Amino acid sequence: MLLKLFAGGPQDAWDIEQVLAGGATDVVNDVEVHIDELPSAARELWARLRASH
């Protein structure tokens, strides 16, 4: 998931949306632990995708 956020392409965003739609709380928790280690664009993408789910 972190690599998908780092890459940040449209397919990556779609893939992340699918995981979030599935309710993968363990994955969300793991991302939250490490999100500050990613570039700002990745953090913004995460915030946007989380807000939509």
PDB file of N, CA and C in Angstrom:
ATOM      1  N   MET A   1       0.820  -1.171   0.000  1.00  0.00           N
ATOM      2  CA  MET A   1       0.000   0.000   0.000  1.00  0.00           C
ATOM      3  C   MET A   1       0.876   1.251   0.000  1.00  0.00           C
ATOM      4  N   LEU A   2       1.931   1.249   0.792  1.00  0.00           N
ATOM      5  CA  LEU A   2       2.813   2.410   0.834  1.00  0.00           C
ATOM      6  C   LEU A   2       3.470   2.657  -0.515  1.00  0.00           C
ATOM      7  N   LEU A   3       3.841   1.609  -1.187  1.00  0.00           N
ATOM      8  CA  LEU A   3       4.434   1.756  -2.515  1.00  0.00           C
ATOM      9  C   LEU A   3       3.411   2.312  -3.502  1.00  0.00           C
ATOM     10  N   LYS A   4       2.172   1.860  -3.410  1.00  0.00           N
ATOM     11  CA  LYS A   4       1.103   2.391  -4.256  1.00  0.00           C
ATOM     12  C   LYS A   4       0.927   3.882  -4.005  1.00  0.00           C
ATOM     13  N   LEU A   5       0.946   4.285  -2.742  1.00  0.00           N
ATOM     14  CA  LEU A   5       0.817   5.700  -2.412  1.00  0.00           C
ATOM     15  C   LEU A   5       2.004   6.490  -2.938  1.00  0.00           C
ATOM     16  N   PHE A   6       3.189   5.926  -2.800  1.00  0.00           N
ATOM     17  CA  PHE A   6       4.399   6.598  -3.277  1.00  0.00           C
ATOM     18  C   PHE A   6       4.345   6.784  -4.793  1.00  0.00           C
ATOM     19  N   ALA A   7       3.900   5.759  -5.513  1.00  0.00           N
ATOM     20  CA  ALA A   7       3.812   5.848  -6.971  1.00  0.00           C
ATOM     21  C   ALA A   7       2.737   6.860  -7.374  1.00  0.00           C
ATOM     22  N   GLY A   8       1.565   6.756  -6.756  1.00  0.00           N
ATOM     23  CA  GLY A   8       0.529   7.763  -6.900  1.00  0.00           C
ATOM     24  C   GLY A   8      -0.164   7.894  -8.234  1.00  0.00           C
ATOM     25  N   GLY A   9      -0.051   6.908  -9.104  1.00  0.00           N
ATOM     26  CA  GLY A   9      -0.720   6.980 -10.398  1.00  0.00           C
ATOM     27  C   GLY A   9      -2.202   6.651 -10.298  1.00  0.00           C
ATOM     28  N   PRO A  10      -2.928   6.856 -11.387  1.00  0.00           N
ATOM     29  CA  PRO A  10      -4.369   6.573 -11.370  1.00  0.00           C
ATOM     30  C   PRO A  10      -4.698   5.117 -11.038  1.00  0.00           C
ATOM     31  N   GLN A  11      -3.934   4.187 -11.573  1.00  0.00           N
ATOM     32  CA  GLN A  11      -4.168   2.776 -11.272  1.00  0.00           C
ATOM     33  C   GLN A  11      -3.855   2.491  -9.808  1.00  0.00           C
ATOM     34  N   ASP A  12      -2.820   3.124  -9.295  1.00  0.00           N
ATOM     35  CA  ASP A  12      -2.467   2.957  -7.885  1.00  0.00           C
ATOM     36  C   ASP A  12      -3.601   3.456  -6.999  1.00  0.00           C
ATOM     37  N   ALA A  13      -4.146   4.624  -7.315  1.00  0.00           N
ATOM     38  CA  ALA A  13      -5.259   5.181  -6.541  1.00  0.00           C
ATOM     39  C   ALA A  13      -6.459   4.249  -6.602  1.00  0.00           C
ATOM     40  N   TRP A  14      -6.741   3.712  -7.776  1.00  0.00           N
ATOM     41  CA  TRP A  14      -7.871   2.783  -7.922  1.00  0.00           C
ATOM     42  C   TRP A  14      -7.641   1.545  -7.065  1.00  0.00           C
ATOM     43  N   ASP A  15      -6.435   1.013  -7.093  1.00  0.00           N
ATOM     44  CA  ASP A  15      -6.116  -0.172  -6.291  1.00  0.00           C
ATOM     45  C   ASP A  15      -6.325   0.106  -4.802  1.00  0.00           C
ATOM     46  N   ILE A  16      -5.869   1.251  -4.353  1.00  0.00           N
ATOM     47  CA  ILE A  16      -6.039   1.619  -2.950  1.00  0.00           C
ATOM     48  C   ILE A  16      -7.518   1.753  -2.604  1.00  0.00           C
ATOM     49  N   GLU A  17      -8.284   2.369  -3.493  1.00  0.00           N
ATOM     50  CA  GLU A  17      -9.728   2.508  -3.271  1.00  0.00           C
ATOM     51  C   GLU A  17     -10.393   1.149  -3.107  1.00  0.00           C
ATOM     52  N   GLN A  18      -9.967   0.181  -3.874  1.00  0.00           N
ATOM     53  CA  GLN A  18     -10.551  -1.155  -3.786  1.00  0.00           C
ATOM     54  C   GLN A  18     -10.247  -1.792  -2.433  1.00  0.00           C
ATOM     55  N   VAL A  19      -9.037  -1.601  -1.955  1.00  0.00           N
ATOM     56  CA  VAL A  19      -8.676  -2.144  -0.642  1.00  0.00           C
ATOM     57  C   VAL A  19      -9.483  -1.448   0.452  1.00  0.00           C
ATOM     58  N   LEU A  20      -9.588  -0.127   0.360  1.00  0.00           N
ATOM     59  CA  LEU A  20     -10.357   0.621   1.357  1.00  0.00           C
ATOM     60  C   LEU A  20     -11.824   0.226   1.327  1.00  0.00           C
ATOM     61  N   ALA A  21     -12.357   0.009   0.154  1.00  0.00           N
ATOM     62  CA  ALA A  21     -13.766  -0.383   0.032  1.00  0.00           C
ATOM     63  C   ALA A  21     -14.012  -1.742   0.677  1.00  0.00           C
ATOM     64  N   GLY A  22     -12.984  -2.567   0.715  1.00  0.00           N
ATOM     65  CA  GLY A  22     -13.102  -3.884   1.322  1.00  0.00           C
ATOM     66  C   GLY A  22     -13.007  -3.843   2.840  1.00  0.00           C
ATOM     67  N   GLY A  23     -12.742  -2.676   3.389  1.00  0.00           N
ATOM     68  CA  GLY A  23     -12.696  -2.543   4.842  1.00  0.00           C
ATOM     69  C   GLY A  23     -11.472  -3.149   5.487  1.00  0.00           C
ATOM     70  N   ALA A  24     -10.339  -3.063   4.836  1.00  0.00           N
ATOM     71  CA  ALA A  24      -9.103  -3.661   5.353  1.00  0.00           C
ATOM     72  C   ALA A  24      -8.515  -2.792   6.469  1.00  0.00           C
ATOM     73  N   THR A  25      -9.072  -2.901   7.658  1.00  0.00           N
ATOM     74  CA  THR A  25      -8.648  -2.037   8.761  1.00  0.00           C
ATOM     75  C   THR A  25      -7.206  -2.270   9.187  1.00  0.00           C
ATOM     76  N   ASP A  26      -6.719  -3.492   9.086  1.00  0.00           N
ATOM     77  CA  ASP A  26      -5.321  -3.761   9.429  1.00  0.00           C
ATOM     78  C   ASP A  26      -4.377  -3.017   8.496  1.00  0.00           C
ATOM     79  N   VAL A  27      -4.719  -3.002   7.217  1.00  0.00           N
ATOM     80  CA  VAL A  27      -3.901  -2.297   6.234  1.00  0.00           C
ATOM     81  C   VAL A  27      -3.938  -0.798   6.505  1.00  0.00           C
ATOM     82  N   VAL A  28      -5.115  -0.276   6.778  1.00  0.00           N
ATOM     83  CA  VAL A  28      -5.265   1.153   7.076  1.00  0.00           C
ATOM     84  C   VAL A  28      -4.419   1.520   8.292  1.00  0.00           C
ATOM     85  N   ASN A  29      -4.478   0.717   9.323  1.00  0.00           N
ATOM     86  CA  ASN A  29      -3.691   0.981  10.532  1.00  0.00           C
ATOM     87  C   ASN A  29      -2.195   0.967  10.243  1.00  0.00           C
ATOM     88  N   ASP A  30      -1.755   0.014   9.432  1.00  0.00           N
ATOM     89  CA  ASP A  30      -0.334  -0.062   9.077  1.00  0.00           C
ATOM     90  C   ASP A  30       0.100   1.166   8.290  1.00  0.00           C
ATOM     91  N   VAL A  31      -0.736   1.604   7.352  1.00  0.00           N
ATOM     92  CA  VAL A  31      -0.410   2.800   6.573  1.00  0.00           C
ATOM     93  C   VAL A  31      -0.336   4.012   7.492  1.00  0.00           C
ATOM     94  N   GLU A  32      -1.277   4.143   8.403  1.00  0.00           N
ATOM     95  CA  GLU A  32      -1.298   5.286   9.311  1.00  0.00           C
ATOM     96  C   GLU A  32      -0.009   5.368  10.137  1.00  0.00           C
ATOM     97  N   VAL A  33       0.553   4.234  10.488  1.00  0.00           N
ATOM     98  CA  VAL A  33       1.791   4.217  11.268  1.00  0.00           C
ATOM     99  C   VAL A  33       2.956   4.808  10.466  1.00  0.00           C
ATOM    100  N   HIS A  34       2.968   4.590   9.153  1.00  0.00           N
ATOM    101  CA  HIS A  34       4.112   4.964   8.317  1.00  0.00           C
ATOM    102  C   HIS A  34       3.850   6.128   7.365  1.00  0.00           C
ATOM    103  N   ILE A  35       2.655   6.682   7.350  1.00  0.00           N
ATOM    104  CA  ILE A  35       2.303   7.683   6.340  1.00  0.00           C
ATOM    105  C   ILE A  35       3.208   8.912   6.394  1.00  0.00           C
ATOM    106  N   ASP A  36       3.672   9.299   7.554  1.00  0.00           N
ATOM    107  CA  ASP A  36       4.526  10.483   7.667  1.00  0.00           C
ATOM    108  C   ASP A  36       5.897  10.308   7.024  1.00  0.00           C
ATOM    109  N   GLU A  37       6.244   9.070   6.712  1.00  0.00           N
ATOM    110  CA  GLU A  37       7.523   8.796   6.065  1.00  0.00           C
ATOM    111  C   GLU A  37       7.459   9.023   4.554  1.00  0.00           C
ATOM    112  N   LEU A  38       6.271   9.198   4.020  1.00  0.00           N
ATOM    113  CA  LEU A  38       6.092   9.361   2.581  1.00  0.00           C
ATOM    114  C   LEU A  38       6.108  10.831   2.192  1.00  0.00           C
ATOM    115  N   PRO A  39       6.370  11.112   0.905  1.00  0.00           N
ATOM    116  CA  PRO A  39       6.339  12.495   0.419  1.00  0.00           C
ATOM    117  C   PRO A  39       4.941  13.108   0.560  1.00  0.00           C
ATOM    118  N   SER A  40       4.880  14.414   0.520  1.00  0.00           N
ATOM    119  CA  SER A  40       3.612  15.118   0.730  1.00  0.00           C
ATOM    120  C   SER A  40       2.541  14.711  -0.277  1.00  0.00           C
ATOM    121  N   ALA A  41       2.917  14.469  -1.521  1.00  0.00           N
ATOM    122  CA  ALA A  41       1.926  14.063  -2.522  1.00  0.00           C
ATOM    123  C   ALA A  41       1.270  12.741  -2.137  1.00  0.00           C
ATOM    124  N   ALA A  42       2.043  11.825  -1.612  1.00  0.00           N
ATOM    125  CA  ALA A  42       1.507  10.531  -1.174  1.00  0.00           C
ATOM    126  C   ALA A  42       0.593  10.707   0.033  1.00  0.00           C
ATOM    127  N   ARG A  43       0.979  11.569   0.951  1.00  0.00           N
ATOM    128  CA  ARG A  43       0.142  11.835   2.131  1.00  0.00           C
ATOM    129  C   ARG A  43      -1.172  12.496   1.730  1.00  0.00           C
ATOM    130  N   GLU A  44      -1.114  13.393   0.755  1.00  0.00           N
ATOM    131  CA  GLU A  44      -2.330  14.045   0.265  1.00  0.00           C
ATOM    132  C   GLU A  44      -3.252  13.041  -0.425  1.00  0.00           C
ATOM    133  N   LEU A  45      -2.674  12.142  -1.214  1.00  0.00           N
ATOM    134  CA  LEU A  45      -3.467  11.107  -1.874  1.00  0.00           C
ATOM    135  C   LEU A  45      -4.150  10.233  -0.826  1.00  0.00           C
ATOM    136  N   TRP A  46      -3.423   9.839   0.193  1.00  0.00           N
ATOM    137  CA  TRP A  46      -3.983   9.016   1.258  1.00  0.00           C
ATOM    138  C   TRP A  46      -5.148   9.731   1.939  1.00  0.00           C
ATOM    139  N   ALA A  47      -4.948  10.994   2.262  1.00  0.00           N
ATOM    140  CA  ALA A  47      -6.004  11.772   2.921  1.00  0.00           C
ATOM    141  C   ALA A  47      -7.239  11.861   2.032  1.00  0.00           C
ATOM    142  N   ARG A  48      -7.036  12.089   0.758  1.00  0.00           N
ATOM    143  CA  ARG A  48      -8.159  12.184  -0.180  1.00  0.00           C
ATOM    144  C   ARG A  48      -8.909  10.866  -0.287  1.00  0.00           C
ATOM    145  N   LEU A  49      -8.179   9.774  -0.395  1.00  0.00           N
ATOM    146  CA  LEU A  49      -8.811   8.463  -0.536  1.00  0.00           C
ATOM    147  C   LEU A  49      -9.501   8.044   0.747  1.00  0.00           C
ATOM    148  N   ARG A  50      -8.896   8.342   1.883  1.00  0.00           N
ATOM    149  CA  ARG A  50      -9.520   8.007   3.171  1.00  0.00           C
ATOM    150  C   ARG A  50     -10.804   8.801   3.372  1.00  0.00           C
ATOM    151  N   ALA A  51     -10.804  10.053   2.950  1.00  0.00           N
ATOM    152  CA  ALA A  51     -11.985  10.891   3.113  1.00  0.00           C
ATOM    153  C   ALA A  51     -13.154  10.391   2.268  1.00  0.00           C
ATOM    154  N   SER A  52     -12.845   9.737   1.179  1.00  0.00           N
ATOM    155  CA  SER A  52     -13.913   9.248   0.295  1.00  0.00           C
ATOM    156  C   SER A  52     -14.469   7.889   0.736  1.00  0.00           C
ATOM    157  N   HIS A  53     -13.850   7.286   1.750  1.00  0.00           N
ATOM    158  CA  HIS A  53     -14.340   5.984   2.246  1.00  0.00           C
ATOM    159  C   HIS A  53     -14.646   6.072   3.694  1.00  0.00           C
TER     160      HIS A  53
END
